[in-house]
Amino acid sequence: MAKCSVCQKGVSFGIAVSHSHRRSNRMWKPNVKRVKAVVDGSPRHIYVCTRCMRSGKVTRAV
């Protein structure tokens, strides 16, 4: 579910390394919000990352 509908940004995976250098898998999730936006001329609820909202790629519906 953590995927932007505009830029398709999703989770990314990596390895967390502790102070004693024990390694474990982890993931980073994008900051995705459910917003009411205008899509194809009609208002709909979509999931959008905050970077797309801030850059103006999404027109919010009132």
N, C-alpha and C. Protein backbone atom coordinates (compact mmCIF):
# COMPACT_ATOMS: atom_id res chain seq x y z
N MET A 1 0.83 -1.19 0.00
CA MET A 1 0.00 0.00 0.00
C MET A 1 0.87 1.25 0.00
N ALA A 2 2.08 1.15 0.51
CA ALA A 2 2.94 2.34 0.60
C ALA A 2 3.55 2.64 -0.76
N LYS A 3 2.70 3.11 -1.70
CA LYS A 3 3.18 3.46 -3.03
C LYS A 3 2.43 4.69 -3.51
N CYS A 4 3.17 5.63 -4.09
CA CYS A 4 2.59 6.87 -4.58
C CYS A 4 1.89 6.59 -5.91
N SER A 5 0.69 7.16 -6.08
CA SER A 5 -0.07 6.97 -7.32
C SER A 5 0.46 7.84 -8.44
N VAL A 6 1.25 8.86 -8.12
CA VAL A 6 1.73 9.79 -9.13
C VAL A 6 3.11 9.39 -9.65
N CYS A 7 4.08 9.21 -8.75
CA CYS A 7 5.46 8.94 -9.17
C CYS A 7 5.86 7.49 -8.98
N GLN A 8 4.97 6.65 -8.47
CA GLN A 8 5.22 5.22 -8.26
C GLN A 8 6.35 4.95 -7.28
N LYS A 9 6.62 5.90 -6.38
CA LYS A 9 7.65 5.67 -5.36
C LYS A 9 7.13 4.64 -4.37
N GLY A 10 7.95 3.64 -4.07
CA GLY A 10 7.55 2.57 -3.17
C GLY A 10 8.60 2.33 -2.10
N VAL A 11 8.48 1.20 -1.41
CA VAL A 11 9.42 0.88 -0.35
C VAL A 11 10.77 0.52 -0.95
N SER A 12 11.84 0.81 -0.20
CA SER A 12 13.18 0.39 -0.60
C SER A 12 13.78 -0.40 0.55
N PHE A 13 14.61 -1.36 0.21
CA PHE A 13 15.14 -2.29 1.19
C PHE A 13 16.63 -2.06 1.39
N GLY A 14 17.10 -2.42 2.58
CA GLY A 14 18.51 -2.30 2.88
C GLY A 14 18.85 -3.13 4.10
N ILE A 15 19.99 -2.84 4.70
CA ILE A 15 20.47 -3.58 5.86
C ILE A 15 20.77 -2.60 6.99
N ALA A 16 20.21 -2.86 8.16
CA ALA A 16 20.50 -2.06 9.35
C ALA A 16 21.72 -2.67 10.03
N VAL A 17 22.69 -1.82 10.35
CA VAL A 17 23.92 -2.29 10.97
C VAL A 17 24.01 -1.67 12.36
N SER A 18 24.07 -2.52 13.39
CA SER A 18 24.12 -2.03 14.76
C SER A 18 25.55 -1.63 15.14
N HIS A 19 25.72 -1.15 16.36
CA HIS A 19 27.05 -0.74 16.82
C HIS A 19 28.01 -1.92 16.87
N SER A 20 27.48 -3.09 17.22
CA SER A 20 28.32 -4.30 17.25
C SER A 20 28.43 -4.96 15.87
N HIS A 21 27.92 -4.27 14.85
CA HIS A 21 27.97 -4.69 13.45
C HIS A 21 27.13 -5.92 13.16
N ARG A 22 26.10 -6.16 13.96
CA ARG A 22 25.13 -7.20 13.62
C ARG A 22 24.20 -6.62 12.56
N ARG A 23 23.94 -7.40 11.51
CA ARG A 23 23.18 -6.89 10.38
C ARG A 23 21.80 -7.53 10.33
N SER A 24 20.80 -6.73 10.05
CA SER A 24 19.44 -7.23 9.90
C SER A 24 18.76 -6.46 8.78
N ASN A 25 17.79 -7.10 8.15
CA ASN A 25 17.08 -6.45 7.05
C ASN A 25 16.14 -5.39 7.58
N ARG A 26 15.97 -4.33 6.79
CA ARG A 26 15.02 -3.29 7.14
C ARG A 26 14.49 -2.68 5.86
N MET A 27 13.45 -1.85 5.99
CA MET A 27 12.93 -1.17 4.82
C MET A 27 12.56 0.26 5.16
N TRP A 28 12.64 1.10 4.15
CA TRP A 28 12.27 2.50 4.25
C TRP A 28 10.97 2.68 3.47
N LYS A 29 9.97 3.27 4.11
CA LYS A 29 8.69 3.51 3.46
C LYS A 29 8.57 4.99 3.10
N PRO A 30 7.99 5.31 1.94
CA PRO A 30 7.80 6.71 1.60
C PRO A 30 6.67 7.31 2.44
N ASN A 31 6.70 8.63 2.58
CA ASN A 31 5.69 9.34 3.35
C ASN A 31 4.47 9.53 2.45
N VAL A 32 3.53 8.56 2.52
CA VAL A 32 2.37 8.54 1.63
C VAL A 32 1.13 8.93 2.41
N LYS A 33 0.34 9.86 1.85
CA LYS A 33 -0.90 10.32 2.47
C LYS A 33 -2.07 10.03 1.54
N ARG A 34 -3.25 9.83 2.11
CA ARG A 34 -4.47 9.64 1.33
C ARG A 34 -5.10 11.02 1.18
N VAL A 35 -5.15 11.51 -0.05
CA VAL A 35 -5.67 12.85 -0.31
C VAL A 35 -6.79 12.78 -1.33
N LYS A 36 -7.63 13.79 -1.31
CA LYS A 36 -8.70 13.93 -2.29
C LYS A 36 -8.17 14.85 -3.38
N ALA A 37 -7.95 14.29 -4.56
CA ALA A 37 -7.34 15.03 -5.66
C ALA A 37 -8.21 14.92 -6.91
N VAL A 38 -7.97 15.83 -7.84
CA VAL A 38 -8.68 15.81 -9.11
C VAL A 38 -7.93 14.90 -10.07
N VAL A 39 -8.59 13.80 -10.47
CA VAL A 39 -8.01 12.83 -11.40
C VAL A 39 -8.97 12.69 -12.58
N ASP A 40 -8.51 13.01 -13.77
CA ASP A 40 -9.32 12.96 -15.00
C ASP A 40 -10.59 13.80 -14.88
N GLY A 41 -10.48 14.95 -14.23
CA GLY A 41 -11.60 15.88 -14.13
C GLY A 41 -12.58 15.62 -13.01
N SER A 42 -12.40 14.55 -12.25
CA SER A 42 -13.32 14.26 -11.15
C SER A 42 -12.52 14.03 -9.87
N PRO A 43 -13.06 14.42 -8.72
CA PRO A 43 -12.34 14.23 -7.46
C PRO A 43 -12.34 12.77 -7.01
N ARG A 44 -11.19 12.28 -6.60
CA ARG A 44 -11.03 10.91 -6.11
C ARG A 44 -10.04 10.88 -4.98
N HIS A 45 -10.12 9.85 -4.14
CA HIS A 45 -9.13 9.63 -3.09
C HIS A 45 -7.99 8.80 -3.68
N ILE A 46 -6.77 9.31 -3.58
CA ILE A 46 -5.60 8.58 -4.05
C ILE A 46 -4.51 8.69 -3.00
N TYR A 47 -3.53 7.80 -3.07
CA TYR A 47 -2.39 7.84 -2.17
C TYR A 47 -1.24 8.56 -2.88
N VAL A 48 -0.74 9.64 -2.26
CA VAL A 48 0.28 10.49 -2.86
C VAL A 48 1.38 10.73 -1.85
N CYS A 49 2.65 10.67 -2.31
CA CYS A 49 3.75 10.97 -1.41
C CYS A 49 3.82 12.49 -1.20
N THR A 50 4.39 12.89 -0.10
CA THR A 50 4.42 14.31 0.25
C THR A 50 5.31 15.11 -0.68
N ARG A 51 6.28 14.49 -1.33
CA ARG A 51 7.11 15.21 -2.29
C ARG A 51 6.29 15.63 -3.50
N CYS A 52 5.38 14.76 -3.98
CA CYS A 52 4.53 15.13 -5.11
C CYS A 52 3.52 16.20 -4.72
N MET A 53 3.02 16.15 -3.48
CA MET A 53 2.10 17.17 -3.02
C MET A 53 2.81 18.52 -2.92
N ARG A 54 4.04 18.52 -2.44
CA ARG A 54 4.79 19.75 -2.24
C ARG A 54 5.23 20.38 -3.56
N SER A 55 5.55 19.54 -4.55
CA SER A 55 6.04 20.05 -5.83
C SER A 55 4.92 20.49 -6.77
N GLY A 56 3.66 20.23 -6.40
CA GLY A 56 2.54 20.69 -7.21
C GLY A 56 2.15 19.73 -8.32
N LYS A 57 2.54 18.47 -8.23
CA LYS A 57 2.15 17.49 -9.24
C LYS A 57 0.70 17.04 -9.06
N VAL A 58 0.10 17.37 -7.90
CA VAL A 58 -1.26 16.94 -7.58
C VAL A 58 -2.11 18.17 -7.32
N THR A 59 -3.29 18.24 -7.95
CA THR A 59 -4.23 19.33 -7.66
C THR A 59 -5.26 18.80 -6.67
N ARG A 60 -5.30 19.43 -5.51
CA ARG A 60 -6.21 18.99 -4.45
C ARG A 60 -7.64 19.39 -4.80
N ALA A 61 -8.59 18.53 -4.46
CA ALA A 61 -10.01 18.82 -4.64
C ALA A 61 -10.57 19.33 -3.31
N VAL A 62 -11.39 20.35 -3.40
CA VAL A 62 -11.94 20.95 -2.16
C VAL A 62 -13.31 20.40 -1.88
